C-alpha cells in the first residue's frame, strides 16, 4: 500500500482547502502584521517568526474571494514553497485551520477542465474528506508568481 500524504485542511469562506503537511512549518494565532507601502492587495505585510521577517498573504484575496475580518479562528499558516532561487518562507492568513488528515482516497481527481480561460494552475487536485470536497492547493503554482516579486524574493 502506498504511503498516504497528510494534509493540513484550511477553511476559507465556506470552502475547504488543503496544503501538504510537508510544506507547513507551523500554524500561528493571528499576529500584528507590519504593513508594507504599495504592496499588492493580497500581501498583508510582514510578521516576526523567531527573529525572521516573514511576508503574509491573505489566502482569501489570493484566491479571488472577498476580504473578511479576523475572528478568533483566524490563523497564519507558515509554509515553505519553491521560489525561483530556492525555498521561500511565507505566511498564509486563513479563516480557520481544521486538522491534519489524510484524504479519503489516495489519488486526487484532477482540477476540472471546463474553460479555456481558467487553467486551474493553483489546484493540485480535488480530494474528498467526510463526504465533502477538499481542494488541494498547488502552492508553488498559486504562489510562484508572487514570490518572483522583489519584496518576497529577498
N, C-alpha and C. Protein backbone atom coordinates (compact mmCIF):
# COMPACT_ATOMS: atom_id res chain seq x y z
N UNK A 1 0.84 -1.19 0.00
CA UNK A 1 0.00 0.00 0.00
C UNK A 1 0.88 1.25 0.00
N UNK A 2 0.53 2.21 -0.81
CA UNK A 2 1.30 3.45 -0.92
C UNK A 2 1.15 4.27 0.37
N UNK A 3 2.20 5.01 0.68
CA UNK A 3 2.15 5.88 1.86
C UNK A 3 1.19 7.03 1.58
N UNK A 4 0.28 7.25 2.51
CA UNK A 4 -0.70 8.32 2.31
C UNK A 4 -0.10 9.66 2.70
N UNK A 5 -0.40 10.66 1.87
CA UNK A 5 0.09 12.02 2.12
C UNK A 5 -0.83 12.68 3.14
N UNK A 6 -0.22 13.34 4.12
CA UNK A 6 -1.01 14.07 5.10
C UNK A 6 -1.16 15.52 4.65
N UNK A 7 -2.31 16.09 4.96
CA UNK A 7 -2.63 17.46 4.58
C UNK A 7 -3.11 18.23 5.80
N UNK A 8 -2.85 19.53 5.79
CA UNK A 8 -3.47 20.45 6.74
C UNK A 8 -4.69 21.01 6.02
N UNK A 9 -5.87 20.85 6.62
CA UNK A 9 -7.09 21.36 5.99
C UNK A 9 -7.39 22.76 6.52
N UNK A 10 -7.70 23.65 5.59
CA UNK A 10 -7.90 25.07 5.87
C UNK A 10 -9.29 25.49 5.44
N UNK A 11 -9.92 26.32 6.26
CA UNK A 11 -11.22 26.88 5.90
C UNK A 11 -11.04 28.29 5.40
N UNK A 12 -11.59 28.55 4.21
CA UNK A 12 -11.61 29.90 3.64
C UNK A 12 -13.01 30.11 3.11
N UNK A 13 -13.70 31.11 3.67
CA UNK A 13 -15.13 31.31 3.39
C UNK A 13 -15.83 30.00 3.72
N UNK A 14 -16.62 29.45 2.82
CA UNK A 14 -17.31 28.18 3.09
C UNK A 14 -16.58 27.00 2.47
N UNK A 15 -15.40 27.24 1.94
CA UNK A 15 -14.66 26.20 1.22
C UNK A 15 -13.60 25.56 2.11
N UNK A 16 -13.23 24.33 1.75
CA UNK A 16 -12.15 23.64 2.45
C UNK A 16 -11.02 23.41 1.46
N UNK A 17 -9.85 23.86 1.84
CA UNK A 17 -8.64 23.69 1.05
C UNK A 17 -7.67 22.85 1.86
N UNK A 18 -6.66 22.32 1.18
CA UNK A 18 -5.66 21.52 1.87
C UNK A 18 -4.28 21.86 1.33
N UNK A 19 -3.30 21.82 2.22
CA UNK A 19 -1.90 22.01 1.86
C UNK A 19 -1.13 20.82 2.40
N UNK A 20 -0.19 20.29 1.62
CA UNK A 20 0.59 19.16 2.12
C UNK A 20 1.33 19.52 3.41
N UNK A 21 1.28 18.63 4.39
CA UNK A 21 1.94 18.86 5.67
C UNK A 21 3.42 19.16 5.46
N UNK A 22 4.03 18.54 4.46
CA UNK A 22 5.46 18.72 4.21
C UNK A 22 5.83 20.18 3.95
N UNK A 23 4.88 21.01 3.50
CA UNK A 23 5.18 22.42 3.21
C UNK A 23 4.98 23.31 4.44
N UNK A 24 4.27 22.81 5.45
CA UNK A 24 3.87 23.63 6.60
C UNK A 24 4.93 23.58 7.70
N UNK A 25 5.39 24.76 8.11
CA UNK A 25 6.35 24.85 9.21
C UNK A 25 5.64 24.95 10.56
N UNK A 26 4.62 25.80 10.61
CA UNK A 26 3.88 25.97 11.85
C UNK A 26 2.58 26.72 11.58
N UNK A 27 1.70 26.68 12.57
CA UNK A 27 0.42 27.37 12.50
C UNK A 27 0.35 28.32 13.68
N UNK A 28 0.14 29.60 13.39
CA UNK A 28 0.17 30.63 14.42
C UNK A 28 -1.21 31.27 14.60
N UNK A 29 -1.49 31.70 15.84
CA UNK A 29 -2.63 32.57 16.05
C UNK A 29 -2.34 33.88 15.31
N UNK A 30 -3.36 34.65 15.06
CA UNK A 30 -3.19 35.92 14.35
C UNK A 30 -2.22 36.80 15.13
N UNK A 31 -1.30 37.42 14.42
CA UNK A 31 -0.28 38.30 15.00
C UNK A 31 -0.41 39.69 14.39
N UNK A 32 0.18 40.70 15.05
CA UNK A 32 0.23 42.02 14.41
C UNK A 32 1.04 41.91 13.11
N UNK A 33 0.53 42.52 12.05
CA UNK A 33 1.19 42.48 10.75
C UNK A 33 1.66 43.89 10.40
N UNK A 34 2.96 44.03 10.11
CA UNK A 34 3.51 45.32 9.70
C UNK A 34 3.20 45.52 8.22
N UNK A 35 2.42 46.54 7.93
CA UNK A 35 2.01 46.82 6.55
C UNK A 35 3.21 47.26 5.72
N UNK A 36 3.14 46.99 4.44
CA UNK A 36 4.19 47.40 3.51
C UNK A 36 3.60 48.39 2.51
N UNK A 37 4.25 49.53 2.30
CA UNK A 37 3.70 50.52 1.37
C UNK A 37 3.66 49.98 -0.06
N UNK A 38 2.58 50.27 -0.75
CA UNK A 38 2.38 49.93 -2.15
C UNK A 38 2.47 48.43 -2.43
N UNK A 39 2.21 47.63 -1.44
CA UNK A 39 2.21 46.17 -1.63
C UNK A 39 0.94 45.76 -2.37
N UNK A 40 0.97 44.65 -3.10
CA UNK A 40 -0.26 44.15 -3.71
C UNK A 40 -1.32 43.93 -2.63
N UNK A 41 -2.59 43.98 -3.03
CA UNK A 41 -3.68 43.90 -2.07
C UNK A 41 -3.62 42.63 -1.22
N UNK A 42 -3.22 41.51 -1.81
CA UNK A 42 -3.21 40.25 -1.06
C UNK A 42 -1.99 40.09 -0.16
N UNK A 43 -1.00 40.96 -0.28
CA UNK A 43 0.17 40.93 0.60
C UNK A 43 -0.11 41.82 1.80
N UNK A 44 -0.44 41.20 2.92
CA UNK A 44 -0.86 41.96 4.10
C UNK A 44 0.30 42.68 4.76
N UNK A 45 1.51 42.12 4.68
CA UNK A 45 2.68 42.73 5.31
C UNK A 45 3.60 41.65 5.84
N UNK A 46 4.34 42.01 6.90
CA UNK A 46 5.34 41.11 7.47
C UNK A 46 5.03 40.81 8.93
N UNK A 47 5.39 39.59 9.35
CA UNK A 47 5.34 39.22 10.76
C UNK A 47 6.73 38.75 11.17
N UNK A 48 6.97 38.74 12.47
CA UNK A 48 8.23 38.24 13.01
C UNK A 48 8.00 36.81 13.49
N UNK A 49 8.77 35.88 12.93
CA UNK A 49 8.72 34.48 13.37
C UNK A 49 10.11 34.12 13.85
N UNK A 50 10.29 34.13 15.16
CA UNK A 50 11.57 33.83 15.80
C UNK A 50 12.73 34.61 15.19
N UNK A 51 12.52 35.92 15.07
CA UNK A 51 13.58 36.81 14.61
C UNK A 51 13.72 36.92 13.09
N UNK A 52 12.87 36.24 12.35
CA UNK A 52 12.93 36.31 10.88
C UNK A 52 11.66 36.98 10.36
N UNK A 53 11.83 37.93 9.46
CA UNK A 53 10.69 38.58 8.83
C UNK A 53 10.05 37.65 7.82
N UNK A 54 8.74 37.42 7.95
CA UNK A 54 8.01 36.52 7.06
C UNK A 54 6.84 37.28 6.44
N UNK A 55 6.78 37.34 5.10
CA UNK A 55 5.64 38.00 4.45
C UNK A 55 4.37 37.18 4.64
N UNK A 56 3.23 37.87 4.77
CA UNK A 56 1.94 37.20 4.96
C UNK A 56 0.99 37.59 3.83
N UNK A 57 0.46 36.56 3.19
CA UNK A 57 -0.53 36.74 2.13
C UNK A 57 -1.90 36.36 2.66
N UNK A 58 -2.92 37.08 2.25
CA UNK A 58 -4.29 36.73 2.59
C UNK A 58 -4.76 35.69 1.59
N UNK A 59 -5.03 34.47 2.04
CA UNK A 59 -5.42 33.40 1.13
C UNK A 59 -6.74 33.73 0.43
N UNK A 60 -7.66 34.38 1.15
CA UNK A 60 -8.93 34.79 0.52
C UNK A 60 -8.68 35.65 -0.71
N UNK A 61 -7.88 36.70 -0.54
CA UNK A 61 -7.62 37.63 -1.64
C UNK A 61 -6.79 36.97 -2.74
N UNK A 62 -5.85 36.11 -2.35
CA UNK A 62 -5.02 35.40 -3.33
C UNK A 62 -5.88 34.51 -4.22
N UNK A 63 -6.95 33.95 -3.65
CA UNK A 63 -7.85 33.08 -4.40
C UNK A 63 -8.99 33.85 -5.07
N UNK A 64 -8.98 35.19 -4.97
CA UNK A 64 -10.00 35.98 -5.64
C UNK A 64 -11.31 36.06 -4.88
N UNK A 65 -11.29 35.81 -3.57
CA UNK A 65 -12.51 35.87 -2.75
C UNK A 65 -12.60 37.23 -2.07
N UNK A 66 -13.77 37.53 -1.54
CA UNK A 66 -13.98 38.79 -0.83
C UNK A 66 -13.21 38.80 0.48
N UNK A 67 -12.68 39.95 0.88
CA UNK A 67 -11.97 40.01 2.16
C UNK A 67 -12.93 39.79 3.33
N UNK A 68 -12.34 39.41 4.47
CA UNK A 68 -13.13 39.21 5.69
C UNK A 68 -12.30 39.67 6.88
N UNK A 69 -12.99 40.04 7.94
CA UNK A 69 -12.31 40.45 9.17
C UNK A 69 -11.79 39.23 9.91
N UNK A 70 -10.77 39.49 10.75
CA UNK A 70 -10.23 38.41 11.58
C UNK A 70 -11.27 37.98 12.61
N UNK A 71 -11.22 36.71 12.98
CA UNK A 71 -12.05 36.17 14.06
C UNK A 71 -11.14 35.42 15.02
N UNK A 72 -11.71 34.82 16.05
CA UNK A 72 -10.88 34.04 16.96
C UNK A 72 -10.31 32.80 16.29
N UNK A 73 -10.86 32.40 15.14
CA UNK A 73 -10.37 31.23 14.42
C UNK A 73 -9.33 31.54 13.35
N UNK A 74 -9.10 32.83 13.07
CA UNK A 74 -8.14 33.21 12.03
C UNK A 74 -6.74 32.74 12.42
N UNK A 75 -6.04 32.15 11.46
CA UNK A 75 -4.69 31.63 11.70
C UNK A 75 -3.77 32.07 10.58
N UNK A 76 -2.47 32.05 10.88
CA UNK A 76 -1.44 32.25 9.88
C UNK A 76 -0.70 30.92 9.76
N UNK A 77 -0.74 30.35 8.57
CA UNK A 77 -0.04 29.09 8.30
C UNK A 77 1.30 29.47 7.67
N UNK A 78 2.39 29.17 8.37
CA UNK A 78 3.72 29.48 7.87
C UNK A 78 4.20 28.26 7.08
N UNK A 79 4.56 28.51 5.82
CA UNK A 79 4.97 27.39 4.99
C UNK A 79 6.15 27.76 4.10
N UNK A 80 6.73 26.75 3.50
CA UNK A 80 7.86 26.94 2.60
C UNK A 80 7.48 26.42 1.22
N UNK A 81 7.68 27.26 0.22
CA UNK A 81 7.42 26.86 -1.17
C UNK A 81 8.70 27.02 -1.98
N UNK A 82 8.67 26.54 -3.20
CA UNK A 82 9.81 26.68 -4.10
C UNK A 82 9.77 28.05 -4.75
N UNK A 83 10.81 28.82 -4.52
CA UNK A 83 10.95 30.11 -5.19
C UNK A 83 11.91 29.97 -6.36
N UNK A 84 12.06 31.03 -7.15
CA UNK A 84 12.94 30.96 -8.32
C UNK A 84 14.41 30.72 -7.94
N UNK A 85 14.79 31.11 -6.74
CA UNK A 85 16.18 30.93 -6.32
C UNK A 85 16.28 30.12 -5.04
N UNK A 86 15.35 29.20 -4.83
CA UNK A 86 15.40 28.35 -3.65
C UNK A 86 14.14 28.49 -2.81
N UNK A 87 14.15 27.85 -1.65
CA UNK A 87 12.95 27.87 -0.79
C UNK A 87 12.60 29.27 -0.31
N UNK A 88 11.29 29.54 -0.22
CA UNK A 88 10.78 30.82 0.26
C UNK A 88 9.80 30.53 1.39
N UNK A 89 9.97 31.19 2.52
CA UNK A 89 9.06 31.05 3.65
C UNK A 89 8.07 32.20 3.61
N UNK A 90 6.79 31.86 3.76
CA UNK A 90 5.77 32.90 3.83
C UNK A 90 4.60 32.40 4.66
N UNK A 91 3.75 33.34 5.04
CA UNK A 91 2.56 33.01 5.83
C UNK A 91 1.32 33.18 4.99
N UNK A 92 0.33 32.33 5.23
CA UNK A 92 -0.97 32.46 4.60
C UNK A 92 -2.01 32.71 5.68
N UNK A 93 -2.72 33.83 5.59
CA UNK A 93 -3.81 34.12 6.53
C UNK A 93 -5.02 33.33 6.06
N UNK A 94 -5.52 32.46 6.93
CA UNK A 94 -6.69 31.65 6.63
C UNK A 94 -7.78 31.92 7.65
N UNK A 95 -9.02 31.66 7.28
CA UNK A 95 -10.13 31.87 8.21
C UNK A 95 -10.09 30.88 9.35
N UNK A 96 -9.57 29.67 9.07
CA UNK A 96 -9.64 28.61 10.08
C UNK A 96 -8.71 27.48 9.64
N UNK A 97 -8.12 26.79 10.62
CA UNK A 97 -7.38 25.55 10.34
C UNK A 97 -8.15 24.44 11.03
N UNK A 98 -8.48 23.40 10.26
CA UNK A 98 -9.28 22.31 10.82
C UNK A 98 -8.42 21.23 11.48
N UNK A 99 -7.60 20.54 10.68
CA UNK A 99 -6.88 19.38 11.21
C UNK A 99 -5.78 18.97 10.24
N UNK A 100 -4.93 18.08 10.73
CA UNK A 100 -4.00 17.35 9.88
C UNK A 100 -4.67 16.01 9.61
N UNK A 101 -4.76 15.65 8.32
CA UNK A 101 -5.53 14.46 7.98
C UNK A 101 -5.00 13.84 6.70
N UNK A 102 -5.45 12.64 6.42
CA UNK A 102 -5.29 12.06 5.09
C UNK A 102 -6.65 12.17 4.43
N UNK A 103 -6.65 12.20 3.11
CA UNK A 103 -7.92 12.28 2.39
C UNK A 103 -8.50 10.88 2.25
N UNK A 104 -9.78 10.80 1.92
CA UNK A 104 -10.47 9.51 1.88
C UNK A 104 -9.94 8.57 0.80
N UNK A 105 -9.37 9.13 -0.25
CA UNK A 105 -8.79 8.30 -1.31
C UNK A 105 -7.33 8.70 -1.50
N UNK A 106 -6.52 7.75 -1.93
CA UNK A 106 -5.09 8.03 -2.10
C UNK A 106 -4.82 8.90 -3.32
N UNK A 107 -5.70 8.84 -4.32
CA UNK A 107 -5.47 9.62 -5.53
C UNK A 107 -6.43 10.80 -5.57
N UNK A 108 -5.94 11.89 -6.10
CA UNK A 108 -6.76 13.10 -6.25
C UNK A 108 -7.39 13.11 -7.63
N UNK A 109 -8.61 13.64 -7.71
CA UNK A 109 -9.20 13.90 -9.02
C UNK A 109 -8.51 15.13 -9.59
N UNK A 110 -8.34 15.20 -10.91
CA UNK A 110 -7.73 16.41 -11.49
C UNK A 110 -8.67 17.60 -11.35
N UNK A 111 -8.10 18.79 -11.43
CA UNK A 111 -8.93 20.00 -11.46
C UNK A 111 -9.81 19.93 -12.70
N UNK A 112 -11.06 20.36 -12.61
CA UNK A 112 -11.94 20.27 -13.79
C UNK A 112 -11.43 21.13 -14.93
N UNK A 113 -11.49 20.59 -16.14
CA UNK A 113 -11.08 21.32 -17.34
C UNK A 113 -12.36 21.81 -18.02
N UNK A 114 -12.88 22.94 -17.55
CA UNK A 114 -14.18 23.39 -18.04
C UNK A 114 -14.13 24.63 -18.91
N UNK A 115 -13.01 25.34 -18.89
CA UNK A 115 -12.95 26.59 -19.64
C UNK A 115 -11.53 26.84 -20.10
N UNK A 116 -11.38 27.27 -21.32
CA UNK A 116 -10.05 27.59 -21.83
C UNK A 116 -9.45 28.78 -21.09
N UNK A 117 -10.29 29.63 -20.49
CA UNK A 117 -9.81 30.82 -19.79
C UNK A 117 -9.41 30.56 -18.36
N UNK A 118 -9.67 29.36 -17.86
CA UNK A 118 -9.34 29.05 -16.47
C UNK A 118 -8.43 27.83 -16.47
N UNK A 119 -7.23 28.01 -15.96
CA UNK A 119 -6.26 26.93 -16.07
C UNK A 119 -6.26 26.00 -14.87
N UNK A 120 -6.74 26.47 -13.73
CA UNK A 120 -6.68 25.64 -12.53
C UNK A 120 -5.25 25.38 -12.08
N UNK A 121 -4.31 26.25 -12.49
CA UNK A 121 -2.90 26.04 -12.18
C UNK A 121 -2.60 26.04 -10.68
N UNK A 122 -3.50 26.55 -9.87
CA UNK A 122 -3.24 26.60 -8.44
C UNK A 122 -3.86 25.40 -7.70
N UNK A 123 -4.41 24.45 -8.46
CA UNK A 123 -5.06 23.29 -7.85
C UNK A 123 -4.28 22.03 -8.19
N UNK A 124 -3.80 21.34 -7.15
CA UNK A 124 -3.09 20.08 -7.36
C UNK A 124 -4.09 18.96 -7.65
N UNK A 125 -5.29 19.10 -7.14
CA UNK A 125 -6.33 18.11 -7.38
C UNK A 125 -7.47 18.30 -6.40
N UNK A 126 -8.48 17.48 -6.58
CA UNK A 126 -9.66 17.53 -5.72
C UNK A 126 -9.73 16.21 -4.95
N UNK A 127 -9.79 16.31 -3.64
CA UNK A 127 -9.91 15.13 -2.80
C UNK A 127 -11.24 15.13 -2.09
N UNK A 128 -11.45 14.11 -1.31
CA UNK A 128 -12.69 14.01 -0.53
C UNK A 128 -12.34 13.72 0.92
N UNK A 129 -13.14 14.32 1.80
CA UNK A 129 -12.95 14.11 3.24
C UNK A 129 -14.33 14.16 3.88
N UNK A 130 -14.71 13.10 4.54
CA UNK A 130 -16.00 13.02 5.23
C UNK A 130 -17.17 13.41 4.32
N UNK A 131 -17.13 12.95 3.08
CA UNK A 131 -18.23 13.18 2.16
C UNK A 131 -18.22 14.51 1.45
N UNK A 132 -17.27 15.38 1.77
CA UNK A 132 -17.20 16.68 1.12
C UNK A 132 -15.96 16.79 0.25
N UNK A 133 -15.96 17.78 -0.63
CA UNK A 133 -14.80 18.01 -1.48
C UNK A 133 -13.77 18.86 -0.76
N UNK A 134 -12.50 18.56 -1.00
CA UNK A 134 -11.38 19.32 -0.48
C UNK A 134 -10.50 19.68 -1.67
N UNK A 135 -10.27 20.96 -1.87
CA UNK A 135 -9.41 21.41 -2.95
C UNK A 135 -7.97 21.44 -2.43
N UNK A 136 -7.13 20.59 -3.01
CA UNK A 136 -5.72 20.55 -2.62
C UNK A 136 -4.98 21.60 -3.44
N UNK A 137 -4.38 22.56 -2.73
CA UNK A 137 -3.71 23.67 -3.39
C UNK A 137 -2.34 23.26 -3.92
N UNK A 138 -2.03 23.71 -5.12
CA UNK A 138 -0.68 23.62 -5.65
C UNK A 138 -0.01 24.92 -5.22
N UNK A 139 0.66 24.89 -4.08
CA UNK A 139 1.19 26.12 -3.51
C UNK A 139 2.23 26.76 -4.40
N UNK A 140 3.06 25.94 -5.06
CA UNK A 140 4.07 26.51 -5.96
C UNK A 140 3.38 27.21 -7.14
N UNK A 141 2.31 26.61 -7.66
CA UNK A 141 1.57 27.22 -8.77
C UNK A 141 0.83 28.46 -8.33
N UNK A 142 0.20 28.39 -7.15
CA UNK A 142 -0.59 29.51 -6.64
C UNK A 142 0.29 30.70 -6.28
N UNK A 143 1.41 30.41 -5.63
CA UNK A 143 2.23 31.47 -5.06
C UNK A 143 3.51 31.73 -5.84
N UNK A 144 3.80 30.90 -6.83
CA UNK A 144 5.06 31.02 -7.57
C UNK A 144 5.25 32.37 -8.23
N UNK A 145 4.19 32.91 -8.84
CA UNK A 145 4.30 34.23 -9.48
C UNK A 145 4.50 35.32 -8.44
N UNK A 146 3.91 35.14 -7.29
CA UNK A 146 4.01 36.16 -6.23
C UNK A 146 5.42 36.26 -5.71
N UNK A 147 6.08 35.10 -5.50
CA UNK A 147 7.43 35.15 -4.91
C UNK A 147 8.47 35.66 -5.90
N UNK A 148 8.11 35.85 -7.15
CA UNK A 148 9.04 36.44 -8.12
C UNK A 148 9.13 37.95 -7.94
N UNK A 149 8.16 38.52 -7.20
CA UNK A 149 8.19 39.95 -6.96
C UNK A 149 9.34 40.26 -6.02
N UNK A 150 10.05 41.37 -6.21
CA UNK A 150 11.26 41.67 -5.45
C UNK A 150 11.09 41.63 -3.94
N UNK A 151 9.94 42.07 -3.42
CA UNK A 151 9.78 42.14 -1.97
C UNK A 151 9.80 40.75 -1.33
N UNK A 152 9.31 39.74 -2.05
CA UNK A 152 9.25 38.40 -1.49
C UNK A 152 10.44 37.55 -1.91
N UNK A 153 11.19 37.96 -2.88
CA UNK A 153 12.30 37.16 -3.37
C UNK A 153 13.57 37.42 -2.58
N UNK A 154 13.48 38.21 -1.51
CA UNK A 154 14.68 38.56 -0.73
C UNK A 154 15.23 37.36 -0.01
